[in-house]
């Protein structure tokens, strides 16, 4: 019986993706159930009380450390640089000038520089710049991604990892990226978790509760972290854009940008909270995918 099931899965994996969009495959029974519960939920309560926050905080453990040690920075930077070059395929040799937005340590640009590319990396704060990137020849600059101090069409490729969800004005950042990239050049964005996804508040080093930004008011979360001596909650570090907002943004600039590659990562691991407290979610969004798409990867080509 086990072998039969395994064989069925192998066949299904070959056939089903060709017949059904990948997105629909994720709507298993629990997802369908969560959507129905959300649709039928009343409009209250809008928020939950402190005692529920305290009990849920005990239930969810702290996630593993992301890895900011010197070795991890090199490995992550090299992996991302190789990914970028792989995306370019036949254009890899023609694309030589790179601009990284929100670089922090600059180690992705450092890896690209070591691979023979000419790289510039900017960040609003210079405190994270890694000396190894400077030594490699990366031009590291303190600059706002919404106010780039570069001439029009200065770069072949503009990219950003895990920062677009932090930009206070994503549209301005995209407009600037379009302005400084050459016609026929590329813009690559990979970012998340999105604000409305389970870890979208980016506060998991303080409050471990998934979807806490939906369940509890800002004032309670800030006070809870302060009273417990946890890392302060900073709502200004995240732009609070939903998946729908980004969809609208891509559509708005479709006359200038052609989508070459697009992928949305789904995270359905905490839909039980949506089912348990549906009104808290319904009062903030009616679009279910806002809640379960955690990140976006998109490669644009400038066409105009």
Protein backbone atom coordinates (compact mmCIF):
# COMPACT_ATOMS: atom_id res chain seq x y z
CA UNK A 1 0.00 0.00 0.00
CA UNK A 2 2.82 2.40 0.89
CA UNK A 3 4.58 1.77 -2.44
CA UNK A 4 1.31 2.39 -4.28
CA UNK A 5 0.84 5.72 -2.51
CA UNK A 6 4.41 6.76 -3.31
CA UNK A 7 3.93 5.81 -6.96
CA UNK A 8 0.70 7.82 -7.10
CA UNK A 9 2.49 10.87 -5.68
CA UNK A 10 5.24 10.56 -8.30
CA UNK A 11 2.70 10.42 -11.12
CA UNK A 12 0.64 13.27 -9.63
CA UNK A 13 3.69 15.49 -9.29
CA UNK A 14 4.40 15.03 -12.99
CA UNK A 15 0.83 15.55 -14.21
CA UNK A 16 -0.98 17.91 -11.82
CA UNK A 17 1.33 20.95 -12.06
CA UNK A 18 0.68 21.00 -15.82
CA UNK A 19 -3.07 20.99 -15.31
CA UNK A 20 -3.59 23.06 -12.16
CA UNK A 21 -1.87 26.33 -11.17
CA UNK A 22 0.64 25.78 -8.38
CA UNK A 23 -1.19 28.25 -6.17
CA UNK A 24 -4.34 26.10 -6.14
CA UNK A 25 -2.43 23.05 -4.95
CA UNK A 26 -1.81 24.82 -1.63
CA UNK A 27 -5.48 25.07 -0.85
CA UNK A 28 -5.78 21.81 1.00
CA UNK A 29 -8.57 21.06 3.40
CA UNK A 30 -7.25 23.25 6.22
CA UNK A 31 -6.82 26.23 3.91
CA UNK A 32 -10.29 25.86 2.46
CA UNK A 33 -11.69 25.55 5.97
CA UNK A 34 -9.82 28.65 7.15
CA UNK A 35 -11.12 30.68 4.22
CA UNK A 36 -14.72 29.66 4.95
CA UNK A 37 -14.38 30.46 8.64
CA UNK A 38 -12.90 33.86 7.80
CA UNK A 39 -15.73 34.67 5.38
CA UNK A 40 -18.41 33.81 7.96
CA UNK A 41 -16.69 35.46 10.93
CA UNK A 42 -18.38 38.37 12.75
CA UNK A 43 -16.78 41.82 12.78
CA UNK A 44 -15.77 41.58 16.45
CA UNK A 45 -13.68 41.33 18.51
CA UNK A 46 -11.29 43.61 16.70
CA UNK A 47 -8.41 42.87 19.14
CA UNK A 48 -7.61 40.28 21.81
CA UNK A 49 -6.70 40.98 25.44
CA UNK A 50 -3.34 40.85 27.20
CA UNK A 51 -3.96 37.53 28.97
CA UNK A 52 -4.26 35.78 25.58
CA UNK A 53 -1.00 37.38 24.45
CA UNK A 54 0.70 36.09 27.59
CA UNK A 55 -0.57 32.54 27.09
CA UNK A 56 0.29 32.45 23.37
CA UNK A 57 3.77 33.83 24.03
CA UNK A 58 4.48 30.75 26.13
CA UNK A 59 3.27 28.46 23.36
CA UNK A 60 5.54 29.62 20.53
CA UNK A 61 9.34 29.26 20.85
CA UNK A 62 11.90 31.74 19.57
CA UNK A 63 13.08 30.97 16.01
CA UNK A 64 16.65 30.03 15.18
CA UNK A 65 19.18 32.83 14.82
CA UNK A 66 19.44 34.21 11.29
CA UNK A 67 23.22 34.18 11.26
CA UNK A 68 25.19 37.42 11.26
CA UNK A 69 28.59 35.96 12.06
CA UNK A 70 31.36 36.64 9.50
CA UNK A 71 31.17 33.19 7.92
CA UNK A 72 27.39 33.31 7.53
CA UNK A 73 27.58 36.72 5.85
CA UNK A 74 30.05 35.38 3.29
CA UNK A 75 28.02 32.23 2.59
CA UNK A 76 24.74 34.12 2.24
CA UNK A 77 26.32 36.80 0.06
CA UNK A 78 27.95 34.24 -2.23
CA UNK A 79 24.77 32.18 -2.53
CA UNK A 80 22.72 35.22 -3.47
CA UNK A 81 25.31 36.50 -5.94
CA UNK A 82 25.38 33.13 -7.72
CA UNK A 83 21.60 33.13 -7.83
CA UNK A 84 21.58 36.53 -9.52
CA UNK A 85 24.09 35.46 -12.17
CA UNK A 86 22.17 32.27 -12.79
CA UNK A 87 19.01 34.30 -13.39
CA UNK A 88 20.77 36.31 -16.09
CA UNK A 89 21.69 33.24 -18.15
CA UNK A 90 22.69 34.38 -21.65
CA UNK A 91 22.91 38.03 -20.58
CA UNK A 92 25.40 37.27 -17.81
CA UNK A 93 28.42 38.56 -19.73
CA UNK A 94 26.65 41.72 -20.93
CA UNK A 95 25.44 42.77 -17.47
CA UNK A 96 28.38 44.31 -15.62
CA UNK A 97 27.29 47.25 -13.45
CA UNK A 98 25.23 46.41 -10.37
CA UNK A 99 23.45 48.52 -7.76
CA UNK A 100 22.28 46.96 -4.50
CA UNK A 101 19.51 48.70 -2.54
CA UNK A 102 19.40 48.29 1.23
CA UNK A 103 22.66 46.35 1.27
CA UNK A 104 23.33 46.50 5.05
CA UNK A 105 26.67 44.59 5.14
CA UNK A 106 27.20 44.70 1.37
CA UNK A 107 28.37 41.09 1.13
CA UNK A 108 26.19 40.20 -1.87
CA UNK A 109 27.85 43.01 -3.80
CA UNK A 110 31.18 41.86 -2.40
CA UNK A 111 30.64 38.41 -3.90
CA UNK A 112 29.59 39.90 -7.26
CA UNK A 113 32.67 42.14 -7.24
CA UNK A 114 34.91 39.10 -6.64
CA UNK A 115 33.22 37.48 -9.67
CA UNK A 116 34.33 40.31 -11.93
CA UNK A 117 31.35 42.67 -11.74
CA UNK A 118 31.36 46.39 -10.89
CA UNK A 119 29.20 46.96 -7.83
CA UNK A 120 27.74 49.85 -5.90
CA UNK A 121 25.78 49.21 -2.71
CA UNK A 122 23.70 51.66 -0.70
CA UNK A 123 21.96 51.64 2.64
CA UNK A 124 20.25 54.29 4.73
CA UNK A 125 22.63 53.37 7.57
CA UNK A 126 26.37 52.91 7.18
CA UNK A 127 26.82 51.09 10.49
CA UNK A 128 26.48 47.64 8.91
CA UNK A 129 29.01 48.06 6.10
CA UNK A 130 31.47 45.16 6.10
CA UNK A 131 35.15 46.06 5.63
CA UNK A 132 35.62 42.98 3.46
CA UNK A 133 33.25 44.50 0.90
CA UNK A 134 35.22 47.75 0.96
CA UNK A 135 38.49 45.87 0.51
CA UNK A 136 37.05 43.95 -2.44
CA UNK A 137 36.28 47.23 -4.18
CA UNK A 138 32.54 47.64 -3.61
CA UNK A 139 31.47 51.28 -3.63
CA UNK A 140 29.50 51.47 -0.38
CA UNK A 141 27.39 54.60 0.08
CA UNK A 142 24.97 55.85 2.72
CA UNK A 143 21.88 56.78 0.72
CA UNK A 144 18.08 56.63 0.70
CA UNK A 145 16.69 54.18 -1.88
CA UNK A 146 13.84 56.61 -2.61
CA UNK A 147 16.29 59.44 -3.42
CA UNK A 148 19.12 57.89 -5.41
CA UNK A 149 21.99 60.26 -6.23
CA UNK A 150 22.80 58.65 -9.57
CA UNK A 151 22.26 59.72 -13.17
CA UNK A 152 19.49 58.14 -15.25
CA UNK A 153 20.33 54.73 -16.69
CA UNK A 154 23.55 54.31 -14.70
CA UNK A 155 23.35 50.56 -14.04
CA UNK A 156 22.72 47.31 -15.89
CA UNK A 157 21.17 45.61 -12.88
CA UNK A 158 19.49 46.87 -9.70
CA UNK A 159 18.67 44.42 -6.92
CA UNK A 160 17.57 44.12 -3.33
CA UNK A 161 17.29 41.25 -0.84
CA UNK A 162 14.98 41.35 2.20
CA UNK A 163 14.65 45.13 2.29
CA UNK A 164 11.75 46.11 0.04
CA UNK A 165 9.24 45.33 2.79
CA UNK A 166 11.10 47.83 5.00
CA UNK A 167 11.08 50.77 2.60
CA UNK A 168 8.56 53.31 3.86
CA UNK A 169 7.63 54.23 0.27
CA UNK A 170 8.03 51.15 -1.96
CA UNK A 171 6.63 52.90 -5.02
CA UNK A 172 9.24 55.65 -4.84
CA UNK A 173 11.98 53.04 -4.40
CA UNK A 174 10.76 51.18 -7.48
CA UNK A 175 10.48 54.41 -9.50
CA UNK A 176 14.06 55.28 -8.61
CA UNK A 177 15.25 51.77 -9.51
CA UNK A 178 13.51 52.12 -12.89
CA UNK A 179 15.12 55.52 -13.42
CA UNK A 180 18.71 54.44 -12.75
CA UNK A 181 18.61 51.09 -14.58
CA UNK A 182 19.39 51.05 -18.30
CA UNK A 183 16.75 50.18 -20.88
CA UNK A 184 17.02 46.44 -21.38
CA UNK A 185 18.50 46.12 -17.89
CA UNK A 186 17.04 44.27 -14.93
CA UNK A 187 15.53 44.91 -11.50
CA UNK A 188 15.49 41.98 -9.09
CA UNK A 189 13.63 42.03 -5.77
CA UNK A 190 13.41 39.25 -3.22
CA UNK A 191 11.78 40.23 0.04
CA UNK A 192 9.66 39.15 3.00
CA UNK A 193 8.04 38.35 5.29
CA UNK A 194 5.26 40.63 4.09
CA UNK A 195 3.47 42.57 6.80
CA UNK A 196 0.22 40.60 6.72
CA UNK A 197 1.90 37.19 6.77
CA UNK A 198 2.40 35.27 9.99
CA UNK A 199 5.81 36.77 10.86
CA UNK A 200 5.18 40.04 9.07
CA UNK A 201 5.80 42.33 12.02
CA UNK A 202 9.47 41.19 12.08
CA UNK A 203 9.26 41.16 15.86
CA UNK A 204 9.89 37.44 16.44
CA UNK A 205 12.95 38.13 18.61
CA UNK A 206 10.59 39.78 21.09
CA UNK A 207 7.07 38.47 20.52
CA UNK A 208 6.94 34.96 19.12
CA UNK A 209 3.19 34.83 18.45
CA UNK A 210 2.44 34.48 14.70
CA UNK A 211 0.10 37.16 13.34
CA UNK A 212 0.50 39.18 16.54
CA UNK A 213 0.00 42.36 14.46
CA UNK A 214 -3.54 41.12 13.67
CA UNK A 215 -4.43 39.85 17.12
CA UNK A 216 -3.24 42.64 19.43
CA UNK A 217 -3.12 46.45 19.23
CA UNK A 218 0.22 48.15 18.68
CA UNK A 219 0.22 49.78 22.09
CA UNK A 220 -0.20 46.42 23.83
CA UNK A 221 2.63 44.79 21.86
CA UNK A 222 4.99 47.69 22.55
CA UNK A 223 4.15 47.70 26.26
CA UNK A 224 4.35 43.91 26.54
CA UNK A 225 7.89 43.88 25.15
CA UNK A 226 8.96 46.80 27.34
CA UNK A 227 7.59 45.32 30.58
CA UNK A 228 9.29 41.99 29.90
CA UNK A 229 12.58 43.63 29.00
CA UNK A 230 12.43 42.30 25.44
CA UNK A 231 13.77 43.96 22.31
CA UNK A 232 11.60 47.04 21.60
CA UNK A 233 8.90 46.70 18.94
CA UNK A 234 9.44 49.21 16.13
CA UNK A 235 6.45 49.50 13.81
CA UNK A 236 8.33 52.03 11.68
CA UNK A 237 10.74 49.35 10.46
CA UNK A 238 8.06 47.74 8.28
CA UNK A 239 5.92 49.47 5.65
CA UNK A 240 2.70 47.48 6.31
CA UNK A 241 2.07 46.89 2.59
CA UNK A 242 -0.10 43.89 1.77
CA UNK A 243 0.26 41.40 -1.07
CA UNK A 244 -2.56 43.26 -2.84
CA UNK A 245 -0.61 46.51 -2.61
CA UNK A 246 2.37 44.95 -4.38
CA UNK A 247 0.12 43.42 -7.04
CA UNK A 248 -1.23 46.91 -7.77
CA UNK A 249 2.29 48.33 -7.88
CA UNK A 250 3.50 45.76 -10.43
CA UNK A 251 0.45 46.47 -12.58
CA UNK A 252 0.95 50.22 -12.33
CA UNK A 253 4.43 50.00 -13.86
CA UNK A 254 3.76 47.21 -16.35
CA UNK A 255 4.25 49.71 -19.20
CA UNK A 256 7.86 50.15 -18.09
CA UNK A 257 8.69 46.71 -16.72
CA UNK A 258 8.27 43.22 -18.13
CA UNK A 259 8.10 40.41 -15.58
CA UNK A 260 10.73 37.80 -16.47
CA UNK A 261 10.40 35.70 -13.31
CA UNK A 262 7.82 35.79 -10.53
CA UNK A 263 7.28 33.65 -7.46
CA UNK A 264 5.21 34.05 -4.30
CA UNK A 265 6.13 31.89 -1.32
CA UNK A 266 3.22 30.57 0.72
CA UNK A 267 3.32 29.99 4.47
CA UNK A 268 0.25 28.17 5.78
CA UNK A 269 1.81 26.87 8.98
CA UNK A 270 -0.27 29.06 11.30
CA UNK A 271 -3.74 29.10 9.71
CA UNK A 272 -5.01 27.54 12.95
CA UNK A 273 -4.81 31.04 14.47
CA UNK A 274 -6.93 32.41 11.64
CA UNK A 275 -9.53 29.73 12.37
CA UNK A 276 -9.40 30.32 16.12
CA UNK A 277 -9.62 34.14 15.99
CA UNK A 278 -11.19 34.85 12.57
CA UNK A 279 -12.81 38.18 13.39
CA UNK A 280 -9.40 39.70 14.28
CA UNK A 281 -8.30 38.94 10.73
CA UNK A 282 -11.54 39.77 8.95
CA UNK A 283 -11.56 43.27 10.40
CA UNK A 284 -8.16 43.94 8.79
CA UNK A 285 -8.40 42.20 5.42
CA UNK A 286 -10.91 40.33 3.28
CA UNK A 287 -8.31 38.93 0.87
CA UNK A 288 -7.13 35.59 2.24
CA UNK A 289 -3.87 35.43 0.26
CA UNK A 290 -2.65 38.52 2.11
CA UNK A 291 -2.37 36.25 5.13
CA UNK A 292 -0.53 33.29 3.63
CA UNK A 293 1.89 34.74 1.08
CA UNK A 294 5.04 35.40 3.07
CA UNK A 295 7.50 36.64 0.43
CA UNK A 296 7.87 37.74 -3.17
CA UNK A 297 10.61 37.15 -5.72
CA UNK A 298 10.42 39.11 -8.96
CA UNK A 299 12.79 39.79 -11.85
CA UNK A 300 11.82 42.70 -14.10
CA UNK A 301 13.31 43.79 -17.42
CA UNK A 302 13.08 47.48 -18.25
CA UNK A 303 11.26 47.84 -21.56
CA UNK A 304 10.57 51.58 -21.62
